[in-house]
Amino acid sequence: MIVGDGPDRERLESLASGLNGQVEFTGRIDGDRLVDLYARCLAVYYAPVDEDYGMVPFEAFLSGKPVVTTVDAGGPLEVVHDGETGLVVEPEAAGVARACAALVADPGRARTLGEAGKAIAERITWDACIEALLS
């Protein structure tokens, strides 16, 4: 499932057209549906190119899900640590596929990575931010 929109959507839909409907492009969705999708997934793939920060990893972590991202993602690498809170791979289809297959083969590991991410995300609060600014 591909959630959201972007400049690459048309190209990606064209690539996925030969997959017999195995890939769904949702476009933008409301918050309730997003929460439901996070709750039901095994992991979240999020690999922007040189993103400033990105909230997707935190949303995934708060749902207890690990994040698969790439070495050129930028800001997400501040919280997505390979083998700790997710998997970080080269920006190529084969590497992403191997990472996803590894998590499917070992859902216990996916849970462990997601729980570690959740511990990080739960520390990001307004109170913690204000405390850091005042210290």
Protein backbone atom coordinates (compact mmCIF):
# COMPACT_ATOMS: atom_id res chain seq x y z
CA MET A 1 0.00 0.00 0.00
CA ILE A 2 1.38 3.38 -1.02
CA VAL A 3 -0.06 6.23 1.05
CA GLY A 4 0.17 9.88 0.04
CA ASP A 5 0.94 11.72 -3.16
CA GLY A 6 4.05 13.05 -4.73
CA PRO A 7 5.70 13.89 -8.01
CA ASP A 8 6.61 10.24 -8.63
CA ARG A 9 3.12 8.80 -8.18
CA GLU A 10 2.26 8.49 -11.87
CA ARG A 11 5.56 6.74 -12.65
CA LEU A 12 5.16 4.38 -9.69
CA GLU A 13 1.59 3.53 -10.63
CA SER A 14 2.79 2.72 -14.13
CA LEU A 15 5.49 0.41 -12.73
CA ALA A 16 2.95 -1.29 -10.46
CA SER A 17 0.37 -1.79 -13.21
CA GLY A 18 1.84 -5.20 -14.04
CA LEU A 19 1.45 -6.50 -10.48
CA ASN A 20 -2.19 -7.60 -10.81
CA GLY A 21 -3.54 -5.18 -8.22
CA GLN A 22 -1.10 -6.20 -5.49
CA VAL A 23 -0.18 -2.54 -4.91
CA GLU A 24 -2.77 0.01 -3.88
CA PHE A 25 -2.17 3.75 -4.19
CA THR A 26 -4.41 5.53 -1.69
CA GLY A 27 -3.40 9.14 -2.19
CA ARG A 28 -3.98 11.29 0.88
CA ILE A 29 -6.05 9.66 3.60
CA ASP A 30 -7.68 10.87 6.79
CA GLY A 31 -6.13 10.43 10.21
CA ASP A 32 -8.37 7.57 11.31
CA ARG A 33 -7.51 5.49 8.26
CA LEU A 34 -3.81 6.27 8.68
CA VAL A 35 -3.90 5.11 12.31
CA ASP A 36 -5.65 1.92 11.20
CA LEU A 37 -3.04 1.23 8.52
CA TYR A 38 -0.18 1.77 10.97
CA ALA A 39 -1.87 -0.59 13.42
CA ARG A 40 -2.25 -3.36 10.83
CA CYS A 41 1.12 -3.22 9.09
CA LEU A 42 4.29 -5.13 9.94
CA ALA A 43 6.65 -2.24 9.14
CA VAL A 44 6.69 1.11 7.36
CA TYR A 45 8.82 1.89 4.33
CA TYR A 46 9.81 5.55 4.25
CA ALA A 47 12.68 6.64 2.09
CA PRO A 48 12.63 10.25 1.02
CA VAL A 49 15.78 11.65 -0.52
CA ASP A 50 17.57 13.93 1.93
CA GLU A 51 14.45 14.78 3.96
CA ASP A 52 14.90 17.51 6.57
CA TYR A 53 13.32 15.49 9.36
CA GLY A 54 10.03 13.81 8.59
CA MET A 55 7.25 12.76 10.94
CA VAL A 56 6.55 9.38 9.35
CA PRO A 57 9.14 7.51 11.43
CA PHE A 58 7.64 8.91 14.63
CA GLU A 59 4.12 7.98 13.54
CA ALA A 60 5.32 4.46 12.75
CA PHE A 61 7.21 4.20 16.04
CA LEU A 62 4.22 5.39 18.09
CA SER A 63 2.35 2.48 16.50
CA GLY A 64 5.15 0.15 17.51
CA LYS A 65 6.31 -0.42 13.93
CA PRO A 66 9.89 -0.44 12.64
CA VAL A 67 10.88 1.71 9.68
CA VAL A 68 12.71 0.55 6.57
CA THR A 69 14.58 3.46 5.00
CA THR A 70 17.61 4.15 2.84
CA VAL A 71 21.08 5.51 3.52
CA ASP A 72 20.25 8.72 1.63
CA ALA A 73 17.01 9.49 3.48
CA GLY A 74 18.46 12.38 5.46
CA GLY A 75 16.65 13.40 8.65
CA PRO A 76 14.90 10.06 9.29
CA LEU A 77 18.34 8.57 9.91
CA GLU A 78 18.46 10.54 13.15
CA VAL A 79 15.97 8.06 14.63
CA VAL A 80 15.93 5.08 12.27
CA HIS A 81 19.02 3.14 13.27
CA ASP A 82 19.86 -0.03 11.36
CA GLY A 83 19.13 -3.10 13.45
CA GLU A 84 17.88 -1.01 16.38
CA THR A 85 14.68 0.82 15.37
CA GLY A 86 14.43 -0.35 11.78
CA LEU A 87 16.49 -1.32 8.78
CA VAL A 88 18.62 1.04 6.69
CA VAL A 89 19.54 -0.13 3.20
CA GLU A 90 21.03 1.13 -0.03
CA PRO A 91 18.51 2.99 -2.21
CA GLU A 92 17.88 0.11 -4.58
CA ALA A 93 14.90 -2.20 -5.03
CA ALA A 94 16.81 -5.37 -4.15
CA GLY A 95 17.99 -3.99 -0.81
CA VAL A 96 14.53 -2.78 0.13
CA ALA A 97 13.05 -6.14 -0.87
CA ARG A 98 15.60 -8.03 1.25
CA ALA A 99 14.86 -5.83 4.27
CA CYS A 100 11.12 -6.30 3.93
CA ALA A 101 11.51 -10.06 3.41
CA ALA A 102 13.70 -10.28 6.52
CA LEU A 103 11.00 -8.64 8.63
CA VAL A 104 8.28 -10.87 7.15
CA ALA A 105 10.42 -13.91 7.94
CA ASP A 106 10.97 -12.75 11.53
CA PRO A 107 7.94 -10.83 12.86
CA GLY A 108 9.37 -11.05 16.38
CA ARG A 109 12.35 -8.99 15.24
CA ALA A 110 9.96 -6.50 13.63
CA ARG A 111 8.16 -6.15 16.97
CA THR A 112 11.43 -5.68 18.84
CA LEU A 113 12.61 -2.97 16.43
CA GLY A 114 9.21 -1.27 16.61
CA GLU A 115 9.23 -1.31 20.41
CA ALA A 116 12.69 0.29 20.44
CA GLY A 117 11.41 2.99 18.09
CA LYS A 118 8.37 3.54 20.27
CA ALA A 119 10.60 4.16 23.29
CA ILE A 120 12.35 6.92 21.33
CA ALA A 121 9.13 8.48 20.02
CA GLU A 122 7.51 8.53 23.45
CA ARG A 123 10.33 10.77 24.72
CA ILE A 124 9.47 13.45 22.14
CA THR A 125 6.95 15.62 23.99
CA TRP A 126 6.22 19.33 24.35
CA ASP A 127 7.38 19.17 27.96
CA ALA A 128 10.70 17.61 26.92
CA CYS A 129 11.09 20.22 24.17
CA ILE A 130 10.43 23.11 26.56
CA GLU A 131 12.78 21.62 29.14
CA ALA A 132 15.54 21.35 26.51
CA LEU A 133 14.99 24.92 25.37
CA LEU A 134 15.15 26.26 28.92
CA SER A 135 18.23 24.30 29.95
